[in-house]
Protein backbone atom coordinates (compact mmCIF):
# COMPACT_ATOMS: atom_id res chain seq x y z
CA MET A 1 18.10 15.27 0.14
CA GLN A 2 18.29 11.35 0.81
CA ARG A 3 15.00 9.39 0.07
CA LEU A 4 13.97 6.24 1.04
CA THR A 5 15.13 2.91 -1.29
CA ARG A 6 12.01 0.91 -1.89
CA ASP A 7 12.92 -1.91 0.54
CA GLN A 8 12.97 1.09 3.36
CA MET A 9 9.91 2.20 2.78
CA ALA A 10 8.25 -1.47 2.54
CA ALA A 11 10.12 -1.81 5.97
CA ARG A 12 8.63 1.04 7.04
CA VAL A 13 4.87 -0.52 6.30
CA ALA A 14 5.79 -3.49 7.73
CA LYS A 15 6.92 -1.72 11.06
CA ASP A 16 3.03 -1.09 11.46
CA ILE A 17 1.69 -4.28 11.29
CA PRO A 18 0.47 -6.02 14.16
CA GLU A 19 0.35 -9.36 15.17
CA GLY A 20 -2.65 -11.06 14.22
CA ALA A 21 -3.36 -9.04 10.98
CA VAL A 22 -4.88 -10.44 8.04
CA VAL A 23 -3.34 -8.54 5.32
CA ASN A 24 -3.55 -7.80 1.65
CA LEU A 25 -0.42 -6.81 -0.65
CA GLY A 26 -1.22 -4.93 -3.57
CA ILE A 27 0.45 -5.51 -6.90
CA GLY A 28 3.99 -3.43 -7.36
CA LEU A 29 5.73 -1.92 -4.49
CA PRO A 30 3.40 -3.05 -1.68
CA THR A 31 4.88 -6.90 -2.84
CA LEU A 32 8.04 -5.67 -1.20
CA VAL A 33 6.49 -5.24 2.49
CA GLY A 34 5.93 -9.31 2.69
CA ASN A 35 9.88 -9.61 2.82
CA HIS A 36 10.34 -7.16 5.82
CA LEU A 37 7.57 -8.54 8.21
CA PRO A 38 9.03 -8.94 11.37
CA ALA A 39 9.71 -12.67 12.41
CA ASP A 40 8.39 -12.35 15.54
CA ARG A 41 4.72 -11.76 14.95
CA GLU A 42 2.12 -13.67 13.13
CA ILE A 43 0.63 -12.08 10.06
CA LEU A 44 -1.47 -13.66 7.64
CA LEU A 45 -0.65 -12.59 4.00
CA HIS A 46 -3.75 -12.82 1.91
CA SER A 47 -3.64 -12.66 -2.25
CA GLU A 48 -6.89 -12.01 -4.24
CA ASN A 49 -5.63 -15.02 -6.73
CA GLY A 50 -6.72 -17.37 -3.63
CA LEU A 51 -3.53 -17.59 -1.23
CA LEU A 52 -3.96 -17.07 2.50
CA GLY A 53 -0.52 -17.34 4.63
CA MET A 54 1.35 -16.36 1.93
CA GLY A 55 5.17 -15.80 2.68
CA SER A 56 7.99 -14.21 1.28
CA ALA A 57 9.64 -14.21 -2.00
CA PRO A 58 11.56 -17.60 -3.16
CA PRO A 59 15.31 -17.32 -3.18
CA LYS A 60 16.71 -17.23 -6.25
CA GLY A 61 16.58 -20.45 -8.58
CA GLU A 62 13.70 -22.47 -6.02
CA GLU A 63 10.80 -20.38 -7.62
CA ASP A 64 7.49 -22.76 -7.95
CA GLY A 65 5.54 -21.80 -11.66
CA ASP A 66 2.49 -22.69 -9.48
CA LEU A 67 2.75 -20.45 -6.77
CA ILE A 68 2.83 -16.84 -7.38
CA ASN A 69 0.49 -13.54 -6.11
CA ALA A 70 -1.86 -11.51 -7.53
CA GLY A 71 1.13 -9.85 -9.68
CA LYS A 72 2.60 -12.77 -11.25
CA GLN A 73 5.37 -12.77 -8.83
CA PRO A 74 6.56 -16.18 -7.65
CA VAL A 75 5.99 -16.09 -3.52
CA THR A 76 6.28 -18.75 -1.08
CA ILE A 77 3.61 -20.19 1.81
CA LYS A 78 3.82 -20.99 5.42
CA ALA A 79 3.15 -23.94 7.34
CA GLY A 80 -0.70 -23.74 7.38
CA GLY A 81 -1.57 -21.63 4.55
CA SER A 82 -4.43 -22.54 2.24
CA TYR A 83 -5.05 -22.58 -1.61
CA PHE A 84 -9.08 -21.57 -2.89
CA HIS A 85 -10.93 -20.30 -5.56
CA HIS A 86 -10.34 -16.52 -6.48
CA ALA A 87 -14.12 -16.22 -5.62
CA ASP A 88 -14.05 -17.16 -2.02
CA SER A 89 -10.88 -14.59 -2.11
CA PHE A 90 -12.88 -11.94 -3.43
CA ALA A 91 -15.76 -12.90 -0.73
CA MET A 92 -13.00 -12.19 1.95
CA MET A 93 -12.26 -8.64 0.75
CA ARG A 94 -15.83 -7.71 0.48
CA GLY A 95 -16.80 -9.55 3.39
CA GLY A 96 -14.68 -7.22 5.82
CA HIS A 97 -12.41 -10.09 6.62
CA LEU A 98 -9.01 -8.26 6.06
CA ASP A 99 -7.47 -6.04 8.55
CA TYR A 100 -5.06 -4.03 6.10
CA CYS A 101 -4.56 -3.50 2.75
CA VAL A 102 -1.08 -2.40 1.14
CA LEU A 103 -1.97 -0.61 -2.01
CA GLY A 104 0.19 1.78 -5.13
CA ALA A 105 -1.39 4.84 -5.92
CA PHE A 106 -1.10 7.43 -8.78
CA GLN A 107 -2.83 10.02 -6.50
CA VAL A 108 -4.01 10.18 -2.62
CA SER A 109 -6.32 13.41 -1.94
CA GLU A 110 -5.77 15.19 1.18
CA ARG A 111 -9.46 13.61 2.18
CA GLY A 112 -8.30 9.91 1.64
CA ASP A 113 -9.42 9.42 -1.68
CA LEU A 114 -7.88 6.70 -3.93
CA ALA A 115 -6.67 6.82 -7.42
CA ASN A 116 -4.69 3.60 -8.72
CA TRP A 117 -5.95 2.05 -11.51
CA HIS A 118 -6.19 4.27 -14.73
CA THR A 119 -4.50 7.42 -15.67
CA GLY A 120 -6.92 8.35 -17.70
CA ALA A 121 -4.56 9.05 -20.58
CA PRO A 122 -5.00 7.94 -24.15
CA GLY A 123 -4.07 4.21 -24.95
CA ALA A 124 -3.94 3.27 -21.28
CA ILE A 125 -4.66 -0.05 -20.83
CA PRO A 126 -7.31 -0.01 -17.29
CA ALA A 127 -6.14 -2.39 -14.71
CA VAL A 128 -8.58 -2.29 -11.92
CA GLY A 129 -7.87 -5.66 -10.73
CA GLY A 130 -9.41 -6.04 -7.11
CA ALA A 131 -8.34 -2.54 -5.88
CA MET A 132 -11.76 -1.33 -5.87
CA ASP A 133 -12.94 -4.32 -3.39
CA LEU A 134 -9.88 -3.86 -1.43
CA ALA A 135 -10.65 0.03 -1.00
CA ILE A 136 -13.73 -0.66 0.46
CA GLY A 137 -13.41 -4.23 1.90
CA ALA A 138 -10.35 -3.65 4.32
CA LYS A 139 -10.79 -2.16 7.71
CA GLN A 140 -7.60 -0.46 7.09
CA VAL A 141 -6.24 1.11 3.47
CA PHE A 142 -2.20 2.19 3.36
CA VAL A 143 -1.11 3.57 0.27
CA MET A 144 2.49 3.07 -0.45
CA MET A 145 4.22 5.08 -3.03
CA GLU A 146 6.85 7.70 -4.39
CA HIS A 147 5.88 11.28 -3.04
CA GLN A 148 6.46 12.89 -6.36
CA THR A 149 5.93 11.72 -10.10
CA LYS A 150 8.75 11.90 -12.56
CA GLN A 151 7.50 15.24 -13.48
CA GLY A 152 8.32 16.64 -9.68
CA GLU A 153 4.48 16.68 -9.01
CA SER A 154 3.32 15.82 -5.51
CA LYS A 155 1.18 12.52 -5.89
CA VAL A 156 -0.61 13.61 -2.69
CA VAL A 157 -3.32 16.70 -4.00
CA ALA A 158 -6.65 18.50 -3.19
CA GLU A 159 -8.81 16.36 -5.48
CA CYS A 160 -7.67 13.59 -7.77
CA THR A 161 -7.73 14.20 -10.92
CA TYR A 162 -7.55 10.66 -12.09
CA PRO A 163 -10.47 7.82 -12.22
CA LEU A 164 -11.25 7.14 -8.57
CA THR A 165 -10.93 3.65 -6.74
CA GLY A 166 -12.49 4.95 -3.46
CA ILE A 167 -13.88 7.81 -1.59
CA GLY A 168 -12.19 8.61 1.56
CA CYS A 169 -10.70 5.09 1.86
CA VAL A 170 -7.21 5.92 2.72
CA THR A 171 -5.70 5.90 6.65
CA ARG A 172 -2.16 6.13 5.87
CA ILE A 173 0.34 7.47 3.31
CA TYR A 174 3.71 5.77 3.40
CA THR A 175 5.98 8.16 0.72
CA ASP A 176 10.17 8.21 -0.51
CA LEU A 177 9.78 11.23 2.32
CA ALA A 178 7.33 10.71 5.32
CA THR A 179 4.54 8.91 6.83
CA ILE A 180 1.59 11.04 6.43
CA ASP A 181 -1.93 9.71 8.05
CA VAL A 182 -4.89 11.26 7.01
CA THR A 183 -7.95 12.27 9.78
CA PRO A 184 -10.80 14.44 10.17
CA ASP A 185 -8.66 17.34 10.87
CA GLY A 186 -6.26 16.98 7.78
CA LEU A 187 -3.28 15.31 6.99
CA VAL A 188 -0.55 14.72 9.30
CA ALA A 189 3.13 14.36 8.97
CA ARG A 190 5.17 12.22 10.41
CA ASP A 191 8.89 10.31 10.62
CA LEU A 192 10.22 12.72 7.51
CA VAL A 193 13.18 11.24 6.24
CA ASP A 194 16.66 12.34 7.60
CA GLY A 195 17.40 15.99 6.58
CA LEU A 196 14.01 16.97 5.32
CA SER A 197 12.73 19.53 7.12
CA PHE A 198 8.53 19.95 7.63
CA ASP A 199 8.92 23.36 5.76
CA GLU A 200 10.91 21.41 2.92
CA LEU A 201 7.81 18.29 3.17
CA GLN A 202 5.11 20.88 2.73
CA ARG A 203 6.56 22.77 -0.09
CA LEU A 204 7.41 19.10 -1.76
CA THR A 205 3.58 18.24 -1.03
CA GLY A 206 1.43 21.40 -2.56
CA VAL A 207 -1.59 20.32 0.34
CA PRO A 208 -1.51 21.50 3.97
CA LEU A 209 0.26 19.44 6.33
CA LYS A 210 0.27 19.16 10.17
CA GLN A 211 3.10 18.22 11.89
CA ALA A 212 2.71 15.67 14.35
CA VAL A 213 3.55 16.28 17.87
CA ALA A 214 6.17 14.42 19.69
CA ALA A 215 5.25 11.41 21.92
């Protein structure tokens, strides 16, 4: 079975971000989305360390050590972009000024609960950052993650067993196998990878899915 690469996942997320949106990209996988945003759309990328108008990753050798995202990765800034104190950045997040955020996750429940900051494992270092503020502050929360753990367990679950980041906050899940909408009527799967049947996706997921009706 062919799975999407990380860049293919990022391109799939980027496809759904509309013109004029203000978007925060979480650390890890979501940072790749900035490299795949359509050039003909004006989209403002926000970073909680105090950037608005962030661009894609710079070419190798052209990194600016003072210009990084929240994950400490080098980025560029577009014409008209701005810098500000991280307290002002968090005020933007908490004030409902972000249209979308894209976050990684350890688990997402069938109700859209999100667990992405701590596994609860002994010795694990909690790293919530701005995830809780983003989960409740953004108008829509997209999650980008591998469908299964390295042990083959589904990350889409009936109930999150890890500490929660937000309750009922996730609107759409992007994995290396499919795109899944979180709706009041349950999880709706669409855009399955080539060669993957709905029945096989259901088997790998382990919680009830509905198949999207073709337009």
